Structures are given as structure tokens and as C-alpha cells.
N, C-alpha and C. Protein backbone atom coordinates (compact mmCIF):
# COMPACT_ATOMS: atom_id res chain seq x y z
N UNK A 1 22.60 7.44 7.26
CA UNK A 1 23.05 6.17 7.81
C UNK A 1 22.63 5.06 6.87
N UNK A 2 23.51 4.19 6.51
CA UNK A 2 23.13 3.06 5.66
C UNK A 2 23.44 1.76 6.39
N UNK A 3 22.71 0.74 6.02
CA UNK A 3 22.87 -0.56 6.66
C UNK A 3 22.47 -1.64 5.68
N UNK A 4 22.88 -2.85 5.92
CA UNK A 4 22.47 -3.97 5.09
C UNK A 4 22.14 -5.14 6.00
N UNK A 5 21.47 -6.15 5.46
CA UNK A 5 21.11 -7.32 6.24
C UNK A 5 21.24 -8.56 5.38
N UNK A 6 21.58 -9.66 5.98
CA UNK A 6 21.70 -10.94 5.29
C UNK A 6 20.85 -11.98 6.01
N UNK A 7 20.36 -12.95 5.27
CA UNK A 7 19.63 -14.06 5.86
C UNK A 7 20.60 -14.91 6.67
N UNK A 8 20.14 -15.60 7.71
CA UNK A 8 21.03 -16.43 8.53
C UNK A 8 21.81 -17.46 7.72
N UNK A 9 21.23 -18.00 6.65
CA UNK A 9 21.91 -19.00 5.84
C UNK A 9 22.95 -18.37 4.92
N UNK A 10 23.05 -17.07 4.90
CA UNK A 10 24.00 -16.39 4.04
C UNK A 10 23.39 -15.90 2.74
N UNK A 11 22.16 -16.32 2.41
CA UNK A 11 21.49 -15.83 1.22
C UNK A 11 20.91 -14.45 1.47
N UNK A 12 20.73 -13.70 0.42
CA UNK A 12 20.20 -12.34 0.57
C UNK A 12 18.71 -12.38 0.89
N UNK A 13 18.30 -11.49 1.76
CA UNK A 13 16.88 -11.31 2.06
C UNK A 13 16.22 -10.53 0.93
N UNK A 14 14.93 -10.73 0.74
CA UNK A 14 14.21 -9.91 -0.23
C UNK A 14 14.17 -8.48 0.28
N UNK A 15 14.05 -7.49 -0.61
CA UNK A 15 13.96 -6.11 -0.16
C UNK A 15 12.84 -5.90 0.86
N UNK A 16 11.69 -6.54 0.63
CA UNK A 16 10.58 -6.38 1.58
C UNK A 16 10.94 -6.96 2.95
N UNK A 17 11.62 -8.10 2.98
CA UNK A 17 12.01 -8.71 4.25
C UNK A 17 12.99 -7.82 5.02
N UNK A 18 13.91 -7.19 4.32
CA UNK A 18 14.84 -6.26 4.97
C UNK A 18 14.06 -5.08 5.55
N UNK A 19 13.14 -4.53 4.77
CA UNK A 19 12.30 -3.41 5.21
C UNK A 19 11.51 -3.78 6.47
N UNK A 20 10.86 -4.94 6.47
CA UNK A 20 10.08 -5.38 7.62
C UNK A 20 10.99 -5.61 8.83
N UNK A 21 12.18 -6.14 8.61
CA UNK A 21 13.13 -6.31 9.70
C UNK A 21 13.46 -5.00 10.38
N UNK A 22 13.63 -3.95 9.59
CA UNK A 22 13.88 -2.63 10.17
C UNK A 22 12.66 -2.13 10.92
N UNK A 23 11.46 -2.31 10.36
CA UNK A 23 10.24 -1.90 11.07
C UNK A 23 10.12 -2.61 12.41
N UNK A 24 10.42 -3.90 12.44
CA UNK A 24 10.36 -4.66 13.69
C UNK A 24 11.32 -4.10 14.73
N UNK A 25 12.42 -3.50 14.27
CA UNK A 25 13.40 -2.89 15.16
C UNK A 25 13.08 -1.42 15.44
N UNK A 26 11.95 -0.93 14.92
CA UNK A 26 11.54 0.45 15.18
C UNK A 26 12.17 1.48 14.28
N UNK A 27 12.67 1.05 13.12
CA UNK A 27 13.32 1.98 12.18
C UNK A 27 12.55 2.03 10.87
N UNK A 28 12.52 3.20 10.26
CA UNK A 28 11.94 3.37 8.92
C UNK A 28 13.09 3.37 7.92
N UNK A 29 13.21 2.29 7.17
CA UNK A 29 14.29 2.15 6.19
C UNK A 29 13.77 2.46 4.79
N UNK A 30 14.67 2.95 3.97
CA UNK A 30 14.37 3.20 2.56
C UNK A 30 15.63 2.89 1.77
N UNK A 31 15.49 2.80 0.48
CA UNK A 31 16.65 2.56 -0.36
C UNK A 31 17.08 3.85 -1.03
N UNK A 32 18.36 3.90 -1.38
CA UNK A 32 18.91 5.07 -2.05
C UNK A 32 19.68 4.59 -3.28
N UNK A 33 19.40 5.21 -4.42
CA UNK A 33 20.10 4.88 -5.66
C UNK A 33 21.43 5.63 -5.70
N UNK A 34 22.53 4.89 -5.68
CA UNK A 34 23.84 5.53 -5.71
C UNK A 34 24.19 6.05 -7.11
N UNK A 35 23.51 5.56 -8.14
CA UNK A 35 23.74 6.06 -9.50
C UNK A 35 22.87 7.28 -9.82
N UNK A 36 21.61 7.23 -9.41
CA UNK A 36 20.70 8.34 -9.69
C UNK A 36 20.73 9.40 -8.59
N UNK A 37 21.36 9.09 -7.46
CA UNK A 37 21.41 9.99 -6.31
C UNK A 37 20.01 10.43 -5.88
N UNK A 38 19.12 9.43 -5.77
CA UNK A 38 17.73 9.69 -5.36
C UNK A 38 17.26 8.61 -4.40
N UNK A 39 16.37 8.99 -3.46
CA UNK A 39 15.77 7.98 -2.59
C UNK A 39 14.77 7.13 -3.37
N UNK A 40 14.59 5.90 -2.92
CA UNK A 40 13.66 4.97 -3.57
C UNK A 40 12.77 4.35 -2.49
N UNK A 41 11.49 4.40 -2.69
CA UNK A 41 10.53 3.75 -1.81
C UNK A 41 9.33 3.39 -2.65
N UNK A 42 8.85 2.32 -2.52
CA UNK A 42 8.79 1.09 -1.78
C UNK A 42 9.99 0.22 -2.16
N UNK A 43 10.46 -0.65 -1.25
CA UNK A 43 11.65 -1.46 -1.52
C UNK A 43 11.58 -2.25 -2.83
N UNK A 44 12.70 -2.25 -3.54
CA UNK A 44 12.78 -2.91 -4.85
C UNK A 44 14.11 -3.66 -4.98
N UNK A 45 14.18 -4.48 -6.00
CA UNK A 45 15.41 -5.21 -6.30
C UNK A 45 16.34 -4.34 -7.14
N UNK A 46 15.78 -3.63 -8.13
CA UNK A 46 16.56 -2.79 -9.03
C UNK A 46 16.10 -1.34 -8.94
N UNK A 47 17.00 -0.44 -9.25
CA UNK A 47 16.70 0.99 -9.24
C UNK A 47 15.67 1.32 -10.32
N UNK A 48 14.58 2.01 -9.97
CA UNK A 48 13.57 2.36 -10.97
C UNK A 48 14.05 3.45 -11.94
N UNK A 49 15.11 4.16 -11.60
CA UNK A 49 15.62 5.23 -12.46
C UNK A 49 16.63 4.72 -13.49
N UNK A 50 17.42 3.70 -13.09
CA UNK A 50 18.50 3.23 -13.96
C UNK A 50 18.36 1.78 -14.39
N UNK A 51 17.54 1.01 -13.70
CA UNK A 51 17.43 -0.42 -13.98
C UNK A 51 18.62 -1.22 -13.47
N UNK A 52 19.48 -0.58 -12.71
CA UNK A 52 20.70 -1.22 -12.22
C UNK A 52 20.54 -1.69 -10.77
N UNK A 53 21.47 -2.53 -10.36
CA UNK A 53 21.53 -3.01 -8.97
C UNK A 53 22.42 -2.03 -8.19
N UNK A 54 21.88 -0.87 -7.89
CA UNK A 54 22.69 0.19 -7.27
C UNK A 54 21.98 0.78 -6.05
N UNK A 55 21.19 -0.04 -5.37
CA UNK A 55 20.41 0.46 -4.23
C UNK A 55 21.09 0.09 -2.93
N UNK A 56 21.20 1.06 -2.03
CA UNK A 56 21.70 0.80 -0.68
C UNK A 56 20.62 1.18 0.32
N UNK A 57 20.65 0.53 1.46
CA UNK A 57 19.67 0.81 2.51
C UNK A 57 20.13 1.99 3.35
N UNK A 58 19.18 2.84 3.69
CA UNK A 58 19.42 3.95 4.60
C UNK A 58 18.29 4.00 5.62
N UNK A 59 18.57 4.61 6.75
CA UNK A 59 17.57 4.74 7.80
C UNK A 59 17.09 6.19 7.85
N UNK A 60 15.79 6.35 7.76
CA UNK A 60 15.19 7.68 7.79
C UNK A 60 15.26 8.26 9.20
N UNK A 61 15.35 9.57 9.28
CA UNK A 61 15.25 10.26 10.57
C UNK A 61 13.84 10.13 11.13
N UNK A 62 12.89 9.79 10.25
CA UNK A 62 11.52 9.54 10.70
C UNK A 62 10.63 10.76 10.75
N UNK A 63 11.10 11.87 10.21
CA UNK A 63 10.26 13.08 10.21
C UNK A 63 9.82 13.40 8.80
N UNK A 64 8.67 14.06 8.72
CA UNK A 64 8.14 14.40 7.42
C UNK A 64 6.97 15.36 7.52
N UNK A 65 6.32 15.56 6.38
CA UNK A 65 5.21 16.50 6.26
C UNK A 65 4.06 15.83 5.54
N UNK A 66 2.84 16.07 6.03
CA UNK A 66 1.66 15.53 5.36
C UNK A 66 1.50 16.24 4.02
N UNK A 67 1.53 15.46 2.94
CA UNK A 67 1.35 15.99 1.59
C UNK A 67 -0.13 16.01 1.21
N UNK A 68 -0.84 14.95 1.62
CA UNK A 68 -2.26 14.82 1.29
C UNK A 68 -2.91 13.96 2.36
N UNK A 69 -4.19 14.17 2.60
CA UNK A 69 -4.90 13.37 3.59
C UNK A 69 -6.35 13.20 3.21
N UNK A 70 -6.91 12.09 3.61
CA UNK A 70 -8.32 11.80 3.36
C UNK A 70 -8.85 11.01 4.55
N UNK A 71 -10.12 11.18 4.86
CA UNK A 71 -10.74 10.43 5.95
C UNK A 71 -11.61 9.33 5.35
N UNK A 72 -11.40 8.12 5.83
CA UNK A 72 -12.18 6.96 5.39
C UNK A 72 -13.25 6.70 6.44
N UNK A 73 -14.49 6.56 5.99
CA UNK A 73 -15.61 6.26 6.88
C UNK A 73 -16.13 4.86 6.56
N UNK A 74 -15.57 3.83 7.22
CA UNK A 74 -16.03 2.47 6.92
C UNK A 74 -17.46 2.25 7.40
N UNK A 75 -18.13 1.33 6.77
CA UNK A 75 -19.51 1.01 7.16
C UNK A 75 -19.56 0.62 8.64
N UNK A 76 -18.62 -0.20 9.06
CA UNK A 76 -18.52 -0.59 10.47
C UNK A 76 -17.19 -0.10 10.99
N UNK A 77 -17.17 0.43 12.17
CA UNK A 77 -15.93 0.91 12.75
C UNK A 77 -15.83 2.43 12.69
N UNK A 78 -14.78 2.91 13.29
CA UNK A 78 -14.55 4.34 13.40
C UNK A 78 -13.84 4.89 12.16
N UNK A 79 -14.08 6.17 11.84
CA UNK A 79 -13.34 6.79 10.73
C UNK A 79 -11.83 6.82 11.03
N UNK A 80 -11.04 6.80 9.97
CA UNK A 80 -9.60 6.92 10.12
C UNK A 80 -9.06 7.67 8.91
N UNK A 81 -7.87 8.21 9.05
CA UNK A 81 -7.28 8.96 7.93
C UNK A 81 -6.29 8.10 7.18
N UNK A 82 -6.13 8.42 5.93
CA UNK A 82 -5.07 7.89 5.08
C UNK A 82 -4.30 9.10 4.58
N UNK A 83 -2.99 9.07 4.72
CA UNK A 83 -2.20 10.25 4.38
C UNK A 83 -0.99 9.87 3.53
N UNK A 84 -0.61 10.77 2.65
CA UNK A 84 0.66 10.67 1.95
C UNK A 84 1.65 11.53 2.72
N UNK A 85 2.76 10.93 3.11
CA UNK A 85 3.77 11.62 3.91
C UNK A 85 5.02 11.82 3.08
N UNK A 86 5.47 13.06 2.98
CA UNK A 86 6.75 13.38 2.35
C UNK A 86 7.82 13.34 3.43
N UNK A 87 8.64 12.30 3.43
CA UNK A 87 9.71 12.20 4.42
C UNK A 87 10.82 13.18 4.06
N UNK A 88 11.51 13.64 5.08
CA UNK A 88 12.53 14.68 4.87
C UNK A 88 13.66 14.23 3.95
N UNK A 89 13.86 12.92 3.80
CA UNK A 89 14.91 12.41 2.92
C UNK A 89 14.53 12.46 1.45
N UNK A 90 13.26 12.78 1.15
CA UNK A 90 12.85 12.96 -0.25
C UNK A 90 11.98 11.87 -0.83
N UNK A 91 11.52 10.92 -0.03
CA UNK A 91 10.61 9.90 -0.54
C UNK A 91 9.23 10.09 0.08
N UNK A 92 8.23 9.56 -0.59
CA UNK A 92 6.83 9.69 -0.15
C UNK A 92 6.27 8.31 0.11
N UNK A 93 5.47 8.17 1.16
CA UNK A 93 4.80 6.91 1.42
C UNK A 93 3.38 7.14 1.92
N UNK A 94 2.54 6.13 1.69
CA UNK A 94 1.17 6.17 2.18
C UNK A 94 1.15 5.58 3.58
N UNK A 95 0.47 6.26 4.48
CA UNK A 95 0.41 5.81 5.86
C UNK A 95 -0.84 6.40 6.49
N UNK A 96 -0.78 6.60 7.79
CA UNK A 96 -1.84 7.33 8.47
C UNK A 96 -1.23 8.06 9.64
N UNK A 97 -1.94 9.07 10.10
CA UNK A 97 -1.50 9.87 11.24
C UNK A 97 -2.38 9.50 12.42
N UNK A 98 -1.75 9.10 13.51
CA UNK A 98 -2.46 8.70 14.72
C UNK A 98 -2.24 9.73 15.82
N UNK A 99 -3.06 9.66 16.85
CA UNK A 99 -2.90 10.55 17.99
C UNK A 99 -3.71 11.82 17.91
N UNK A 100 -4.41 12.02 16.80
CA UNK A 100 -5.32 13.16 16.64
C UNK A 100 -6.56 12.65 15.91
N UNK A 101 -7.70 13.33 16.05
CA UNK A 101 -8.88 12.91 15.29
C UNK A 101 -8.59 12.94 13.79
N UNK A 102 -9.18 12.01 13.03
CA UNK A 102 -8.90 11.94 11.59
C UNK A 102 -9.09 13.27 10.86
N UNK A 103 -10.11 14.03 11.23
CA UNK A 103 -10.38 15.31 10.55
C UNK A 103 -9.37 16.39 10.93
N UNK A 104 -8.58 16.17 11.99
CA UNK A 104 -7.60 17.16 12.43
C UNK A 104 -6.28 17.06 11.68
N UNK A 105 -6.09 16.00 10.92
CA UNK A 105 -4.86 15.85 10.13
C UNK A 105 -4.91 16.86 8.99
N UNK A 106 -3.86 17.66 8.86
CA UNK A 106 -3.86 18.74 7.88
C UNK A 106 -2.66 18.67 6.95
N UNK A 107 -2.88 19.08 5.72
CA UNK A 107 -1.77 19.20 4.77
C UNK A 107 -0.76 20.18 5.35
N UNK A 108 0.51 19.82 5.30
CA UNK A 108 1.57 20.65 5.84
C UNK A 108 1.93 20.32 7.28
N UNK A 109 1.16 19.47 7.94
CA UNK A 109 1.42 19.09 9.33
C UNK A 109 2.74 18.32 9.40
N UNK A 110 3.58 18.68 10.37
CA UNK A 110 4.82 17.96 10.60
C UNK A 110 4.53 16.72 11.43
N UNK A 111 5.13 15.60 11.04
CA UNK A 111 4.86 14.32 11.69
C UNK A 111 6.16 13.55 11.93
N UNK A 112 6.06 12.58 12.85
CA UNK A 112 7.20 11.71 13.17
C UNK A 112 6.77 10.25 13.09
N UNK A 113 7.63 9.42 12.55
CA UNK A 113 7.39 7.99 12.36
C UNK A 113 7.32 7.21 13.67
N UNK A 114 6.44 6.23 13.68
CA UNK A 114 6.37 5.21 14.73
C UNK A 114 6.03 3.90 14.03
N UNK A 115 6.60 2.81 14.49
CA UNK A 115 6.27 1.50 13.92
C UNK A 115 5.06 0.94 14.65
N UNK A 116 4.01 0.63 13.90
CA UNK A 116 2.82 0.00 14.47
C UNK A 116 3.08 -1.50 14.51
N UNK A 117 3.03 -2.07 15.69
CA UNK A 117 3.32 -3.49 15.85
C UNK A 117 2.29 -4.34 15.11
N UNK A 118 2.70 -5.51 14.72
CA UNK A 118 1.81 -6.45 14.04
C UNK A 118 0.68 -6.85 14.98
N UNK A 119 -0.53 -6.98 14.43
CA UNK A 119 -1.69 -7.37 15.23
C UNK A 119 -1.68 -8.87 15.54
N UNK A 120 -1.14 -9.67 14.64
CA UNK A 120 -1.04 -11.12 14.85
C UNK A 120 0.34 -11.57 14.38
N UNK A 121 0.67 -12.81 14.65
CA UNK A 121 1.96 -13.35 14.22
C UNK A 121 2.08 -13.41 12.71
N UNK A 122 0.95 -13.44 12.01
CA UNK A 122 0.96 -13.52 10.55
C UNK A 122 1.06 -12.15 9.89
N UNK A 123 0.93 -11.09 10.66
CA UNK A 123 0.96 -9.73 10.12
C UNK A 123 2.36 -9.14 10.26
N UNK A 124 2.65 -8.17 9.41
CA UNK A 124 3.90 -7.42 9.51
C UNK A 124 3.62 -6.07 10.17
N UNK A 125 4.61 -5.50 10.87
CA UNK A 125 4.43 -4.14 11.37
C UNK A 125 4.34 -3.18 10.19
N UNK A 126 3.83 -1.99 10.44
CA UNK A 126 3.74 -1.01 9.37
C UNK A 126 3.98 0.39 9.94
N UNK A 127 4.41 1.32 9.08
CA UNK A 127 4.71 2.67 9.56
C UNK A 127 3.45 3.50 9.75
N UNK A 128 3.40 4.22 10.85
CA UNK A 128 2.37 5.23 11.10
C UNK A 128 3.11 6.48 11.57
N UNK A 129 2.41 7.58 11.63
CA UNK A 129 3.02 8.83 12.03
C UNK A 129 2.18 9.50 13.10
N UNK A 130 2.84 10.34 13.91
CA UNK A 130 2.16 11.13 14.92
C UNK A 130 2.59 12.58 14.74
N UNK A 131 1.70 13.52 15.07
CA UNK A 131 2.06 14.93 14.91
C UNK A 131 3.27 15.30 15.78
N UNK A 132 4.09 16.19 15.26
CA UNK A 132 5.20 16.75 16.02
C UNK A 132 4.66 18.00 16.71
N UNK A 133 4.77 18.03 18.01
CA UNK A 133 4.25 19.19 18.76
C UNK A 133 5.37 20.09 19.18
């Protein structure tokens, strides 16, 4: 599925603004290079493979596999995991897996996307994942 967005004034939104708009709507969006036939993530203006303006927006199914995981033990606060997620569409992103103890996140675990709402009006939502049971 592909989609595009425009600013209300008719000017183009930045790639990051389009991405955040999709997150606010509960969707995980990524770009796809129509010349290189490859997914692209993190959002960019030009294709990193060709240097051309050939990127279109697509919506991920939101499923993927944990590629790597690590547990962070902050001085104050509870431990949490940081994970690299290989989405089924072929792109990888850094996120975290919620809904299980940090040490229970395992390489190869199947996960599904959820948008974590912004904590304040100044923050943007961000993608997190939960295990697929």
C-alpha cells in the first residue's frame, strides 16, 4: 500500500513530518525506492541507493522479527530493552519490545508494531513492538 501527504498550504511536508503523521494515525510508514526496488528507512529526501528523487511512501504490515536485542540498565529507573527489528518488508529499525520483561526479548522473536503515543505535546510518537503470540 502506498500513500502520500501534502501540507495544508500545498507545500510538501518533510519526510520526517510525513512519517510522524503516519505514526500519529497508528501506521508504520517507510519509503520504497522505485528505481532500486528496495525499501528505505529512516525517511529521506533522496534515495540512498541512486541519489534520485524516486521514493514513494508505503505502509508496513507492522510485523517483523527481532534481529538483535540488548538490555539497558539506567542508573535510575527500570531496565528496558533496545532491539533491532527486521520488518517483513525488508527494512530494519531500532525500537524496543514491550509487554514482556526486557530479558525475555529474544533474537528471532516475532513482533508486531504499535505506535507509542507522545508523552507531551512537544514529543513525537514512536514505534514500539509487542510479541506475537
